[in-house]
Amino acid sequence: MSSSRDFVYKLNFALYGLIQAPMLWSKTLREFLLNLGFRAVGYEGSTFVLRKDGMKLTLVTYVDDLQL
């Protein structure tokens, strides 16, 4: 059995350190939450609500590291 030292891994994509990182991270998180059944609320789309079995879960997200 070979160990991980016998392999070379190629990084296809990275989110961190890019100017677009906050936008890409927000998009990835949004898609994930929508697939779980959350509904985006509000103009910015950073608040998500999930209603299930008579319960309500509100999730507010904030992505930092904005560069202008």
Protein backbone atom coordinates (compact mmCIF):
# COMPACT_ATOMS: atom_id res chain seq x y z
CA MET A 1 0.00 0.00 0.00
CA SER A 2 1.42 3.38 -0.97
CA SER A 3 1.47 6.35 1.35
CA SER A 4 0.32 9.87 0.56
CA ARG A 5 3.98 10.84 0.06
CA ASP A 6 3.88 8.87 -3.18
CA PHE A 7 1.32 11.22 -4.73
CA VAL A 8 1.38 14.73 -6.12
CA TYR A 9 -1.84 16.70 -5.71
CA LYS A 10 -2.81 19.48 -8.07
CA LEU A 11 -4.93 22.31 -6.69
CA ASN A 12 -7.65 23.05 -9.23
CA PHE A 13 -9.23 26.01 -7.48
CA ALA A 14 -8.72 28.11 -4.37
CA LEU A 15 -11.09 30.60 -2.78
CA TYR A 16 -8.72 32.26 -0.34
CA GLY A 17 -6.50 35.14 -1.37
CA LEU A 18 -8.44 36.04 -4.48
CA ILE A 19 -10.17 39.39 -4.95
CA GLN A 20 -13.35 37.43 -5.81
CA ALA A 21 -13.05 35.21 -2.70
CA PRO A 22 -15.93 36.76 -0.71
CA MET A 23 -18.25 36.61 -3.71
CA LEU A 24 -17.34 32.99 -4.49
CA TRP A 25 -17.63 31.94 -0.86
CA SER A 26 -21.07 33.61 -0.58
CA LYS A 27 -22.23 31.91 -3.77
CA THR A 28 -20.99 28.50 -2.59
CA LEU A 29 -22.62 28.89 0.82
CA ARG A 30 -25.88 30.16 -0.73
CA GLU A 31 -26.12 27.19 -3.11
CA PHE A 32 -25.42 24.77 -0.24
CA LEU A 33 -28.08 26.29 2.02
CA LEU A 34 -30.67 26.41 -0.77
CA ASN A 35 -30.02 22.74 -1.50
CA LEU A 36 -30.70 21.99 2.18
CA GLY A 37 -34.12 23.64 1.87
CA PHE A 38 -33.37 27.12 3.20
CA ARG A 39 -35.08 30.11 1.59
CA ALA A 40 -33.16 33.34 0.98
CA VAL A 41 -34.78 36.36 2.62
CA GLY A 42 -34.15 40.03 1.98
CA TYR A 43 -32.45 42.05 -0.68
CA GLU A 44 -28.85 41.05 0.06
CA GLY A 45 -29.53 37.33 0.29
CA SER A 46 -27.42 36.93 3.41
CA THR A 47 -30.35 35.82 5.59
CA PHE A 48 -31.79 32.35 5.19
CA VAL A 49 -34.85 30.73 6.77
CA LEU A 50 -35.69 27.06 7.09
CA ARG A 51 -39.16 26.00 8.26
CA LYS A 52 -39.64 22.37 9.13
CA ASP A 53 -41.97 20.43 11.43
CA GLY A 54 -43.42 23.62 12.91
CA MET A 55 -40.00 25.07 13.72
CA LYS A 56 -38.24 28.03 12.16
CA LEU A 57 -34.47 28.39 11.86
CA THR A 58 -33.07 31.76 10.83
CA LEU A 59 -29.45 31.90 9.69
CA VAL A 60 -27.68 35.21 9.06
CA THR A 61 -24.41 34.99 7.18
CA TYR A 62 -21.61 37.51 6.79
CA VAL A 63 -18.55 37.10 4.62
CA ASP A 64 -15.61 39.23 5.66
CA ASP A 65 -12.37 40.09 3.87
CA LEU A 66 -13.84 42.57 1.41
CA GLN A 67 -11.23 44.30 -0.70
CA LEU A 68 -11.92 47.52 -2.58
